[in-house]
Amino acid sequence: MFLILDIIDLSALLLVRKADIFLLPCPFKYLTGLDCPGCGFQRSAWALFMGHFMQSFRLYPPTIPFLLSFVAGVATWWFNLNRYEKWLKAMYFFTGFVMMVNYIYKIIFHHLH
């Protein structure tokens, strides 16, 4: 019985380790050859999920603000809170600002993936 559970746990662990092969390609980059403002998010989120925080930040700095904004937006909707609160708008604005600064940096310094 324990051997079967160990095999199942091991196979699940191996599946999680190799799940990065299922990442979707960017259609904007495929069509234009240029990164889009969101290029790198999937790899960064995957690195964050695996516990590699610095690698996640290096791949795509807006990942953590984006995920926090997403969770805050869903929580606001779920608990029927005021969608027009200043803190929520500031969070969205900050996330967008970080995304655009990151995108401009990648374009200017040719830091493309």
C-alpha atoms as a PDB file:
ATOM      1  CA  MET A   1       0.000   0.000   0.000  1.00  0.00           C
ATOM      2  CA  PHE A   2       2.756   2.448   0.957  1.00  0.00           C
ATOM      3  CA  LEU A   3       4.710   1.557  -2.174  1.00  0.00           C
ATOM      4  CA  ILE A   4       1.726   2.502  -4.352  1.00  0.00           C
ATOM      5  CA  LEU A   5       1.332   5.843  -2.557  1.00  0.00           C
ATOM      6  CA  ASP A   6       5.051   6.554  -2.945  1.00  0.00           C
ATOM      7  CA  ILE A   7       4.868   5.821  -6.686  1.00  0.00           C
ATOM      8  CA  ILE A   8       1.855   8.121  -7.044  1.00  0.00           C
ATOM      9  CA  ASP A   9       3.597  10.892  -5.070  1.00  0.00           C
ATOM     10  CA  LEU A  10       6.761  10.502  -7.124  1.00  0.00           C
ATOM     11  CA  SER A  11       4.878  10.596 -10.430  1.00  0.00           C
ATOM     12  CA  ALA A  12       2.970  13.709  -9.329  1.00  0.00           C
ATOM     13  CA  LEU A  13       6.230  15.394  -8.350  1.00  0.00           C
ATOM     14  CA  LEU A  14       7.801  14.554 -11.712  1.00  0.00           C
ATOM     15  CA  LEU A  15       4.720  15.873 -13.521  1.00  0.00           C
ATOM     16  CA  VAL A  16       4.913  19.171 -11.639  1.00  0.00           C
ATOM     17  CA  ARG A  17       8.630  19.478 -12.379  1.00  0.00           C
ATOM     18  CA  LYS A  18       8.033  19.007 -16.127  1.00  0.00           C
ATOM     19  CA  ALA A  19       4.820  21.057 -16.402  1.00  0.00           C
ATOM     20  CA  ASP A  20       6.737  23.966 -17.937  1.00  0.00           C
ATOM     21  CA  ILE A  21       6.594  22.184 -21.321  1.00  0.00           C
ATOM     22  CA  PHE A  22       2.912  23.152 -21.490  1.00  0.00           C
ATOM     23  CA  LEU A  23       3.514  26.922 -21.512  1.00  0.00           C
ATOM     24  CA  LEU A  24       1.731  28.727 -24.334  1.00  0.00           C
ATOM     25  CA  PRO A  25       3.714  30.642 -26.970  1.00  0.00           C
ATOM     26  CA  CYS A  26       3.038  34.352 -27.351  1.00  0.00           C
ATOM     27  CA  PRO A  27       0.998  35.009 -30.526  1.00  0.00           C
ATOM     28  CA  PHE A  28       2.156  38.651 -30.649  1.00  0.00           C
ATOM     29  CA  LYS A  29       5.795  37.585 -30.620  1.00  0.00           C
ATOM     30  CA  TYR A  30       5.081  34.872 -33.169  1.00  0.00           C
ATOM     31  CA  LEU A  31       3.509  37.384 -35.571  1.00  0.00           C
ATOM     32  CA  THR A  32       5.806  40.375 -35.054  1.00  0.00           C
ATOM     33  CA  GLY A  33       9.028  38.950 -33.622  1.00  0.00           C
ATOM     34  CA  LEU A  34       8.781  41.425 -30.722  1.00  0.00           C
ATOM     35  CA  ASP A  35       7.964  40.745 -27.096  1.00  0.00           C
ATOM     36  CA  CYS A  36       4.556  41.897 -25.901  1.00  0.00           C
ATOM     37  CA  PRO A  37       4.153  43.702 -22.545  1.00  0.00           C
ATOM     38  CA  GLY A  38       3.230  40.370 -20.937  1.00  0.00           C
ATOM     39  CA  CYS A  39       5.993  38.204 -22.395  1.00  0.00           C
ATOM     40  CA  GLY A  40       7.738  36.330 -19.622  1.00  0.00           C
ATOM     41  CA  PHE A  41       4.751  36.153 -17.269  1.00  0.00           C
ATOM     42  CA  GLN A  42       4.165  32.413 -17.628  1.00  0.00           C
ATOM     43  CA  ARG A  43       7.793  31.503 -17.007  1.00  0.00           C
ATOM     44  CA  SER A  44       7.979  33.978 -14.137  1.00  0.00           C
ATOM     45  CA  ALA A  45       4.797  32.650 -12.531  1.00  0.00           C
ATOM     46  CA  TRP A  46       6.107  29.106 -12.922  1.00  0.00           C
ATOM     47  CA  ALA A  47       9.411  30.055 -11.264  1.00  0.00           C
ATOM     48  CA  LEU A  48       7.461  31.717  -8.454  1.00  0.00           C
ATOM     49  CA  PHE A  49       5.340  28.576  -8.041  1.00  0.00           C
ATOM     50  CA  MET A  50       8.502  26.475  -7.829  1.00  0.00           C
ATOM     51  CA  GLY A  51       9.892  28.807  -5.128  1.00  0.00           C
ATOM     52  CA  HIS A  52      12.545  30.576  -7.220  1.00  0.00           C
ATOM     53  CA  PHE A  53      11.673  34.153  -6.267  1.00  0.00           C
ATOM     54  CA  MET A  54      14.742  35.909  -7.699  1.00  0.00           C
ATOM     55  CA  GLN A  55      14.507  34.020 -10.985  1.00  0.00           C
ATOM     56  CA  SER A  56      10.825  34.948 -11.138  1.00  0.00           C
ATOM     57  CA  PHE A  57      11.688  38.614 -10.652  1.00  0.00           C
ATOM     58  CA  ARG A  58      14.443  38.492 -13.273  1.00  0.00           C
ATOM     59  CA  LEU A  59      12.130  36.893 -15.837  1.00  0.00           C
ATOM     60  CA  TYR A  60       9.246  39.331 -15.391  1.00  0.00           C
ATOM     61  CA  PRO A  61       9.237  41.884 -12.541  1.00  0.00           C
ATOM     62  CA  PRO A  62       5.475  42.692 -12.681  1.00  0.00           C
ATOM     63  CA  THR A  63       4.453  39.116 -11.796  1.00  0.00           C
ATOM     64  CA  ILE A  64       3.981  39.660  -8.071  1.00  0.00           C
ATOM     65  CA  PRO A  65       2.127  43.008  -8.377  1.00  0.00           C
ATOM     66  CA  PHE A  66      -0.053  41.485 -11.107  1.00  0.00           C
ATOM     67  CA  LEU A  67      -0.933  38.435  -9.013  1.00  0.00           C
ATOM     68  CA  LEU A  68      -1.635  40.584  -5.943  1.00  0.00           C
ATOM     69  CA  SER A  69      -3.872  42.884  -8.003  1.00  0.00           C
ATOM     70  CA  PHE A  70      -5.676  39.886  -9.439  1.00  0.00           C
ATOM     71  CA  VAL A  71      -6.298  38.386  -6.001  1.00  0.00           C
ATOM     72  CA  ALA A  72      -7.470  41.755  -4.665  1.00  0.00           C
ATOM     73  CA  GLY A  73      -9.835  42.195  -7.628  1.00  0.00           C
ATOM     74  CA  VAL A  74     -11.303  38.714  -7.252  1.00  0.00           C
ATOM     75  CA  ALA A  75     -11.688  39.171  -3.483  1.00  0.00           C
ATOM     76  CA  THR A  76     -13.406  42.514  -4.062  1.00  0.00           C
ATOM     77  CA  TRP A  77     -15.823  40.894  -6.480  1.00  0.00           C
ATOM     78  CA  TRP A  78     -16.346  37.775  -4.340  1.00  0.00           C
ATOM     79  CA  PHE A  79     -17.133  39.675  -1.134  1.00  0.00           C
ATOM     80  CA  ASN A  80     -19.152  42.398  -2.921  1.00  0.00           C
ATOM     81  CA  LEU A  81     -16.843  45.188  -1.775  1.00  0.00           C
ATOM     82  CA  ASN A  82     -16.667  48.601  -3.395  1.00  0.00           C
ATOM     83  CA  ARG A  83     -14.921  48.162  -6.755  1.00  0.00           C
ATOM     84  CA  TYR A  84     -14.084  51.865  -6.876  1.00  0.00           C
ATOM     85  CA  GLU A  85     -11.959  52.052  -3.727  1.00  0.00           C
ATOM     86  CA  LYS A  86      -8.851  54.175  -4.082  1.00  0.00           C
ATOM     87  CA  TRP A  87      -6.513  51.439  -2.825  1.00  0.00           C
ATOM     88  CA  LEU A  88      -7.752  49.052  -5.513  1.00  0.00           C
ATOM     89  CA  LYS A  89      -7.358  51.661  -8.246  1.00  0.00           C
ATOM     90  CA  ALA A  90      -3.881  52.490  -6.947  1.00  0.00           C
ATOM     91  CA  MET A  91      -2.992  48.813  -7.033  1.00  0.00           C
ATOM     92  CA  TYR A  92      -4.156  48.476 -10.638  1.00  0.00           C
ATOM     93  CA  PHE A  93      -2.340  51.665 -11.634  1.00  0.00           C
ATOM     94  CA  PHE A  94       0.890  50.517  -9.954  1.00  0.00           C
ATOM     95  CA  THR A  95       0.726  47.152 -11.703  1.00  0.00           C
ATOM     96  CA  GLY A  96       0.168  48.788 -15.089  1.00  0.00           C
ATOM     97  CA  PHE A  97       2.966  51.248 -14.420  1.00  0.00           C
ATOM     98  CA  VAL A  98       5.417  48.457 -13.534  1.00  0.00           C
ATOM     99  CA  MET A  99       4.374  46.525 -16.652  1.00  0.00           C
ATOM    100  CA  MET A 100       4.948  49.497 -18.950  1.00  0.00           C
ATOM    101  CA  VAL A 101       8.281  50.462 -17.342  1.00  0.00           C
ATOM    102  CA  ASN A 102       9.425  46.865 -17.726  1.00  0.00           C
ATOM    103  CA  TYR A 103       8.311  46.794 -21.370  1.00  0.00           C
ATOM    104  CA  ILE A 104      10.038  50.086 -22.195  1.00  0.00           C
ATOM    105  CA  TYR A 105      13.205  48.840 -20.469  1.00  0.00           C
ATOM    106  CA  LYS A 106      13.143  45.637 -22.533  1.00  0.00           C
ATOM    107  CA  ILE A 107      12.721  47.590 -25.768  1.00  0.00           C
ATOM    108  CA  ILE A 108      15.389  50.225 -25.040  1.00  0.00           C
ATOM    109  CA  PHE A 109      18.044  47.811 -23.770  1.00  0.00           C
ATOM    110  CA  HIS A 110      17.133  44.967 -26.129  1.00  0.00           C
ATOM    111  CA  HIS A 111      16.559  42.678 -23.175  1.00  0.00           C
ATOM    112  CA  LEU A 112      14.234  40.459 -25.193  1.00  0.00           C
ATOM    113  CA  HIS A 113      13.703  36.763 -24.608  1.00  0.00           C
END
